[in-house]
């Protein structure tokens, strides 16, 4: 656990150096980091939901938190009672893992199209490590929005830029376009990312 905390501190304080160091790793350390962060967020979210705090766009940095909460409130609570919140932990983790794979493929495609070098492992590391900021309140109202944006910047800008050796201007362009699309969706649908 202390190794994870050390990685998290370095990621938050020196992200560029962190991702340079991550270039030497295989897929396992990144996935271990993702798993620990997601497990912590899953447990905290389920406890807060049980205590009456809803997982919404303004209180959740993972879309998996919102989807799982809706499943619990809409279906599982009637069937399983309060033990539905224990099931919610597994649902959050499962959905987050599925989304990790999709995000990895998306990042790889975008950065290869803009001339980045390297394998899909680069996108995997950016996606896995990029969730680190979500531990900084990714389950608290309004703080979760900040944590999600911070995470978004690591996953789609800083991490891939370093790992794919992409030009900073191109990486910034991709990031700004994705932020713009997020804001357009937010204003059209009234949500942060589709929920």
C-alpha atoms as a PDB file:
ATOM      1  CA  UNK A   1       0.000   0.000   0.000  1.00  0.00           C
ATOM      2  CA  UNK A   2       2.849   2.409   0.807  1.00  0.00           C
ATOM      3  CA  UNK A   3       4.269   1.768  -2.683  1.00  0.00           C
ATOM      4  CA  UNK A   4       0.938   2.822  -4.180  1.00  0.00           C
ATOM      5  CA  UNK A   5       0.875   5.983  -2.050  1.00  0.00           C
ATOM      6  CA  UNK A   6       4.427   6.805  -3.173  1.00  0.00           C
ATOM      7  CA  UNK A   7       3.410   6.363  -6.812  1.00  0.00           C
ATOM      8  CA  UNK A   8       0.313   8.482  -6.296  1.00  0.00           C
ATOM      9  CA  UNK A   9       2.288  11.325  -4.705  1.00  0.00           C
ATOM     10  CA  UNK A  10       4.858  11.302  -7.519  1.00  0.00           C
ATOM     11  CA  UNK A  11       2.089  11.170 -10.144  1.00  0.00           C
ATOM     12  CA  UNK A  12       0.298  14.150  -8.626  1.00  0.00           C
ATOM     13  CA  UNK A  13       3.426  16.216  -7.930  1.00  0.00           C
ATOM     14  CA  UNK A  14       5.637  15.353 -10.932  1.00  0.00           C
ATOM     15  CA  UNK A  15       3.409  13.857 -13.642  1.00  0.00           C
ATOM     16  CA  UNK A  16       5.822  14.291 -16.536  1.00  0.00           C
ATOM     17  CA  UNK A  17       8.664  12.566 -14.674  1.00  0.00           C
ATOM     18  CA  UNK A  18       6.265   9.899 -13.439  1.00  0.00           C
ATOM     19  CA  UNK A  19       5.232   8.959 -16.982  1.00  0.00           C
ATOM     20  CA  UNK A  20       8.869   9.016 -18.183  1.00  0.00           C
ATOM     21  CA  UNK A  21       9.671   6.480 -15.468  1.00  0.00           C
ATOM     22  CA  UNK A  22       6.597   4.407 -16.375  1.00  0.00           C
ATOM     23  CA  UNK A  23       7.979   3.850 -19.894  1.00  0.00           C
ATOM     24  CA  UNK A  24      10.245   1.123 -18.515  1.00  0.00           C
ATOM     25  CA  UNK A  25       7.406  -0.875 -16.932  1.00  0.00           C
ATOM     26  CA  UNK A  26       5.339  -3.709 -18.323  1.00  0.00           C
ATOM     27  CA  UNK A  27       1.534  -3.837 -17.978  1.00  0.00           C
ATOM     28  CA  UNK A  28       1.350  -5.296 -14.458  1.00  0.00           C
ATOM     29  CA  UNK A  29       2.370  -2.332 -12.234  1.00  0.00           C
ATOM     30  CA  UNK A  30      -0.075  -0.037 -14.034  1.00  0.00           C
ATOM     31  CA  UNK A  31      -2.904  -2.537 -13.650  1.00  0.00           C
ATOM     32  CA  UNK A  32      -2.046  -3.088  -9.979  1.00  0.00           C
ATOM     33  CA  UNK A  33      -2.261   0.685  -9.432  1.00  0.00           C
ATOM     34  CA  UNK A  34      -5.585   0.868 -11.290  1.00  0.00           C
ATOM     35  CA  UNK A  35      -6.957  -2.081  -9.302  1.00  0.00           C
ATOM     36  CA  UNK A  36      -6.041  -0.609  -5.926  1.00  0.00           C
ATOM     37  CA  UNK A  37      -7.384   2.854  -6.725  1.00  0.00           C
ATOM     38  CA  UNK A  38     -10.591   1.427  -8.187  1.00  0.00           C
ATOM     39  CA  UNK A  39     -11.089  -0.920  -5.229  1.00  0.00           C
ATOM     40  CA  UNK A  40     -10.732   1.994  -2.779  1.00  0.00           C
ATOM     41  CA  UNK A  41     -13.118   4.197  -4.763  1.00  0.00           C
ATOM     42  CA  UNK A  42     -15.596   1.301  -5.111  1.00  0.00           C
ATOM     43  CA  UNK A  43     -15.703   0.637  -1.371  1.00  0.00           C
ATOM     44  CA  UNK A  44     -15.937   4.316  -0.398  1.00  0.00           C
ATOM     45  CA  UNK A  45     -18.674   4.904  -2.981  1.00  0.00           C
ATOM     46  CA  UNK A  46     -20.742   1.933  -1.767  1.00  0.00           C
ATOM     47  CA  UNK A  47     -20.428   3.100   1.864  1.00  0.00           C
ATOM     48  CA  UNK A  48     -21.439   6.668   0.961  1.00  0.00           C
ATOM     49  CA  UNK A  49     -24.366   5.385  -1.127  1.00  0.00           C
ATOM     50  CA  UNK A  50     -25.476   3.208   1.772  1.00  0.00           C
ATOM     51  CA  UNK A  51     -25.345   6.271   4.042  1.00  0.00           C
ATOM     52  CA  UNK A  52     -27.616   8.162   1.648  1.00  0.00           C
ATOM     53  CA  UNK A  53     -25.266  10.110  -0.617  1.00  0.00           C
ATOM     54  CA  UNK A  54     -26.138   9.531  -4.257  1.00  0.00           C
ATOM     55  CA  UNK A  55     -23.583   8.918  -7.012  1.00  0.00           C
ATOM     56  CA  UNK A  56     -24.298  11.604  -9.590  1.00  0.00           C
ATOM     57  CA  UNK A  57     -22.387  13.631 -12.153  1.00  0.00           C
ATOM     58  CA  UNK A  58     -21.249  16.061  -9.469  1.00  0.00           C
ATOM     59  CA  UNK A  59     -20.249  13.465  -6.875  1.00  0.00           C
ATOM     60  CA  UNK A  60     -18.540  10.792  -8.980  1.00  0.00           C
ATOM     61  CA  UNK A  61     -15.316  10.900 -10.950  1.00  0.00           C
ATOM     62  CA  UNK A  62     -15.951   7.450 -12.516  1.00  0.00           C
ATOM     63  CA  UNK A  63     -18.947   6.874 -14.741  1.00  0.00           C
ATOM     64  CA  UNK A  64     -18.894   3.352 -13.294  1.00  0.00           C
ATOM     65  CA  UNK A  65     -19.964   4.822  -9.932  1.00  0.00           C
ATOM     66  CA  UNK A  66     -23.053   6.392 -11.479  1.00  0.00           C
ATOM     67  CA  UNK A  67     -24.031   3.331 -13.512  1.00  0.00           C
ATOM     68  CA  UNK A  68     -23.587   1.001 -10.525  1.00  0.00           C
ATOM     69  CA  UNK A  69     -25.565   3.305  -8.240  1.00  0.00           C
ATOM     70  CA  UNK A  70     -28.441   3.409 -10.700  1.00  0.00           C
ATOM     71  CA  UNK A  71     -28.459  -0.386 -10.909  1.00  0.00           C
ATOM     72  CA  UNK A  72     -28.478  -0.655  -7.130  1.00  0.00           C
ATOM     73  CA  UNK A  73     -31.247   1.905  -6.622  1.00  0.00           C
ATOM     74  CA  UNK A  74     -33.320   0.814  -9.603  1.00  0.00           C
ATOM     75  CA  UNK A  75     -33.134  -2.971  -9.248  1.00  0.00           C
ATOM     76  CA  UNK A  76     -30.832  -4.556  -6.708  1.00  0.00           C
ATOM     77  CA  UNK A  77     -32.071  -2.840  -3.540  1.00  0.00           C
ATOM     78  CA  UNK A  78     -35.532  -4.385  -4.121  1.00  0.00           C
ATOM     79  CA  UNK A  79     -34.074  -7.845  -4.644  1.00  0.00           C
ATOM     80  CA  UNK A  80     -31.106  -7.926  -2.264  1.00  0.00           C
ATOM     81  CA  UNK A  81     -31.891  -5.304   0.353  1.00  0.00           C
ATOM     82  CA  UNK A  82     -28.928  -3.486   1.858  1.00  0.00           C
ATOM     83  CA  UNK A  83     -26.521  -6.193   0.665  1.00  0.00           C
ATOM     84  CA  UNK A  84     -26.977  -4.614  -2.785  1.00  0.00           C
ATOM     85  CA  UNK A  85     -24.337  -2.100  -1.716  1.00  0.00           C
ATOM     86  CA  UNK A  86     -21.807  -4.935  -1.353  1.00  0.00           C
ATOM     87  CA  UNK A  87     -22.666  -6.045  -4.880  1.00  0.00           C
ATOM     88  CA  UNK A  88     -22.216  -2.436  -5.987  1.00  0.00           C
ATOM     89  CA  UNK A  89     -18.495  -2.695  -5.172  1.00  0.00           C
ATOM     90  CA  UNK A  90     -18.085  -5.516  -7.694  1.00  0.00           C
ATOM     91  CA  UNK A  91     -20.231  -3.709 -10.266  1.00  0.00           C
ATOM     92  CA  UNK A  92     -18.142  -0.527 -10.044  1.00  0.00           C
ATOM     93  CA  UNK A  93     -14.926  -2.505 -10.384  1.00  0.00           C
ATOM     94  CA  UNK A  94     -16.258  -4.516 -13.344  1.00  0.00           C
ATOM     95  CA  UNK A  95     -17.584  -1.519 -15.256  1.00  0.00           C
ATOM     96  CA  UNK A  96     -14.414   0.489 -14.568  1.00  0.00           C
ATOM     97  CA  UNK A  97     -12.292  -2.392 -15.899  1.00  0.00           C
ATOM     98  CA  UNK A  98     -14.382  -2.622 -19.064  1.00  0.00           C
ATOM     99  CA  UNK A  99     -14.127   1.139 -19.565  1.00  0.00           C
ATOM    100  CA  UNK A 100     -10.362   0.907 -19.006  1.00  0.00           C
ATOM    101  CA  UNK A 101     -10.061  -1.387 -22.027  1.00  0.00           C
ATOM    102  CA  UNK A 102     -12.181   0.926 -24.204  1.00  0.00           C
ATOM    103  CA  UNK A 103     -10.241   3.997 -23.090  1.00  0.00           C
ATOM    104  CA  UNK A 104      -6.929   2.247 -23.770  1.00  0.00           C
ATOM    105  CA  UNK A 105      -7.974   1.462 -27.341  1.00  0.00           C
ATOM    106  CA  UNK A 106      -9.286   5.004 -27.852  1.00  0.00           C
ATOM    107  CA  UNK A 107      -6.088   6.649 -26.567  1.00  0.00           C
ATOM    108  CA  UNK A 108      -3.915   4.349 -28.681  1.00  0.00           C
ATOM    109  CA  UNK A 109      -5.905   5.064 -31.828  1.00  0.00           C
ATOM    110  CA  UNK A 110      -5.843   8.841 -31.332  1.00  0.00           C
ATOM    111  CA  UNK A 111      -2.147   9.080 -30.518  1.00  0.00           C
ATOM    112  CA  UNK A 112      -1.066   6.728 -33.300  1.00  0.00           C
ATOM    113  CA  UNK A 113      -3.145   8.727 -35.797  1.00  0.00           C
ATOM    114  CA  UNK A 114      -1.327  11.890 -34.746  1.00  0.00           C
ATOM    115  CA  UNK A 115       2.070  10.261 -35.256  1.00  0.00           C
ATOM    116  CA  UNK A 116       2.863   8.983 -31.775  1.00  0.00           C
ATOM    117  CA  UNK A 117       5.252   6.063 -31.445  1.00  0.00           C
ATOM    118  CA  UNK A 118       4.833   2.917 -29.456  1.00  0.00           C
ATOM    119  CA  UNK A 119       2.467   0.095 -28.665  1.00  0.00           C
ATOM    120  CA  UNK A 120      -0.928  -0.067 -27.022  1.00  0.00           C
ATOM    121  CA  UNK A 121       0.954  -0.591 -23.746  1.00  0.00           C
ATOM    122  CA  UNK A 122       1.540   3.185 -23.704  1.00  0.00           C
ATOM    123  CA  UNK A 123      -2.190   3.851 -23.720  1.00  0.00           C
ATOM    124  CA  UNK A 124      -2.702   1.166 -21.069  1.00  0.00           C
ATOM    125  CA  UNK A 125      -0.275   2.939 -18.718  1.00  0.00           C
ATOM    126  CA  UNK A 126      -1.831   6.366 -19.387  1.00  0.00           C
ATOM    127  CA  UNK A 127      -5.329   5.020 -18.722  1.00  0.00           C
ATOM    128  CA  UNK A 128      -4.360   3.026 -15.608  1.00  0.00           C
ATOM    129  CA  UNK A 129      -2.187   5.637 -13.931  1.00  0.00           C
ATOM    130  CA  UNK A 130      -4.367   8.511 -15.070  1.00  0.00           C
ATOM    131  CA  UNK A 131      -7.061   7.596 -12.563  1.00  0.00           C
ATOM    132  CA  UNK A 132      -4.794   8.521  -9.647  1.00  0.00           C
ATOM    133  CA  UNK A 133      -6.352  11.970  -9.086  1.00  0.00           C
ATOM    134  CA  UNK A 134      -9.740  10.322  -8.554  1.00  0.00           C
ATOM    135  CA  UNK A 135      -8.527   9.272  -5.109  1.00  0.00           C
ATOM    136  CA  UNK A 136      -8.423  12.962  -4.202  1.00  0.00           C
ATOM    137  CA  UNK A 137     -12.166  13.214  -3.583  1.00  0.00           C
ATOM    138  CA  UNK A 138     -13.510  11.396  -6.627  1.00  0.00           C
ATOM    139  CA  UNK A 139     -16.515  10.414  -4.524  1.00  0.00           C
ATOM    140  CA  UNK A 140     -17.363  13.784  -2.939  1.00  0.00           C
ATOM    141  CA  UNK A 141     -19.805  16.354  -4.343  1.00  0.00           C
ATOM    142  CA  UNK A 142     -18.125  18.920  -6.616  1.00  0.00           C
ATOM    143  CA  UNK A 143     -14.630  17.762  -5.623  1.00  0.00           C
ATOM    144  CA  UNK A 144     -15.297  14.786  -7.924  1.00  0.00           C
ATOM    145  CA  UNK A 145     -15.597  17.142 -10.915  1.00  0.00           C
ATOM    146  CA  UNK A 146     -12.144  18.549 -10.210  1.00  0.00           C
ATOM    147  CA  UNK A 147     -10.700  15.055  -9.687  1.00  0.00           C
ATOM    148  CA  UNK A 148     -12.298  13.818 -12.925  1.00  0.00           C
ATOM    149  CA  UNK A 149     -10.866  16.733 -14.925  1.00  0.00           C
ATOM    150  CA  UNK A 150      -7.428  16.192 -13.398  1.00  0.00           C
ATOM    151  CA  UNK A 151      -7.641  12.495 -14.240  1.00  0.00           C
ATOM    152  CA  UNK A 152      -8.859  13.289 -17.759  1.00  0.00           C
ATOM    153  CA  UNK A 153      -5.807  15.503 -18.307  1.00  0.00           C
ATOM    154  CA  UNK A 154      -3.445  12.718 -17.210  1.00  0.00           C
ATOM    155  CA  UNK A 155      -5.171  10.048 -19.289  1.00  0.00           C
ATOM    156  CA  UNK A 156      -5.633  12.016 -22.496  1.00  0.00           C
ATOM    157  CA  UNK A 157      -2.866  14.595 -22.439  1.00  0.00           C
ATOM    158  CA  UNK A 158       0.127  14.263 -20.113  1.00  0.00           C
ATOM    159  CA  UNK A 159       0.429  10.467 -20.029  1.00  0.00           C
ATOM    160  CA  UNK A 160       0.058   9.800 -23.768  1.00  0.00           C
ATOM    161  CA  UNK A 161       2.143  12.837 -24.729  1.00  0.00           C
ATOM    162  CA  UNK A 162       5.100  11.485 -22.742  1.00  0.00           C
ATOM    163  CA  UNK A 163       4.572   7.787 -23.434  1.00  0.00           C
ATOM    164  CA  UNK A 164       3.959   8.177 -27.186  1.00  0.00           C
ATOM    165  CA  UNK A 165       6.633  10.888 -27.547  1.00  0.00           C
ATOM    166  CA  UNK A 166       3.986  13.077 -29.166  1.00  0.00           C
ATOM    167  CA  UNK A 167       4.460  16.749 -29.889  1.00  0.00           C
ATOM    168  CA  UNK A 168       3.069  18.901 -27.132  1.00  0.00           C
ATOM    169  CA  UNK A 169       1.050  21.020 -29.568  1.00  0.00           C
ATOM    170  CA  UNK A 170      -0.678  17.963 -31.024  1.00  0.00           C
ATOM    171  CA  UNK A 171      -1.375  16.505 -27.600  1.00  0.00           C
ATOM    172  CA  UNK A 172      -2.804  19.835 -26.434  1.00  0.00           C
ATOM    173  CA  UNK A 173      -4.999  20.004 -29.538  1.00  0.00           C
ATOM    174  CA  UNK A 174      -6.420  16.530 -28.848  1.00  0.00           C
ATOM    175  CA  UNK A 175      -7.027  17.410 -25.200  1.00  0.00           C
ATOM    176  CA  UNK A 176      -8.753  20.715 -26.015  1.00  0.00           C
ATOM    177  CA  UNK A 177     -10.971  19.031 -28.626  1.00  0.00           C
ATOM    178  CA  UNK A 178     -12.026  16.335 -26.163  1.00  0.00           C
ATOM    179  CA  UNK A 179     -12.734  18.931 -23.458  1.00  0.00           C
ATOM    180  CA  UNK A 180     -14.780  20.949 -25.950  1.00  0.00           C
ATOM    181  CA  UNK A 181     -16.797  17.857 -26.906  1.00  0.00           C
ATOM    182  CA  UNK A 182     -17.391  17.141 -23.218  1.00  0.00           C
ATOM    183  CA  UNK A 183     -18.699  20.676 -22.646  1.00  0.00           C
ATOM    184  CA  UNK A 184     -20.903  20.498 -25.731  1.00  0.00           C
ATOM    185  CA  UNK A 185     -22.386  17.234 -24.478  1.00  0.00           C
ATOM    186  CA  UNK A 186     -22.814  18.720 -21.002  1.00  0.00           C
ATOM    187  CA  UNK A 187     -24.783  21.689 -22.307  1.00  0.00           C
ATOM    188  CA  UNK A 188     -26.886  19.614 -24.696  1.00  0.00           C
ATOM    189  CA  UNK A 189     -27.737  16.797 -22.276  1.00  0.00           C
ATOM    190  CA  UNK A 190     -27.373  18.572 -18.932  1.00  0.00           C
ATOM    191  CA  UNK A 191     -24.819  16.055 -17.707  1.00  0.00           C
ATOM    192  CA  UNK A 192     -21.036  15.799 -17.477  1.00  0.00           C
ATOM    193  CA  UNK A 193     -20.385  12.671 -19.546  1.00  0.00           C
ATOM    194  CA  UNK A 194     -23.623  11.238 -20.809  1.00  0.00           C
ATOM    195  CA  UNK A 195     -25.399  10.332 -17.588  1.00  0.00           C
END
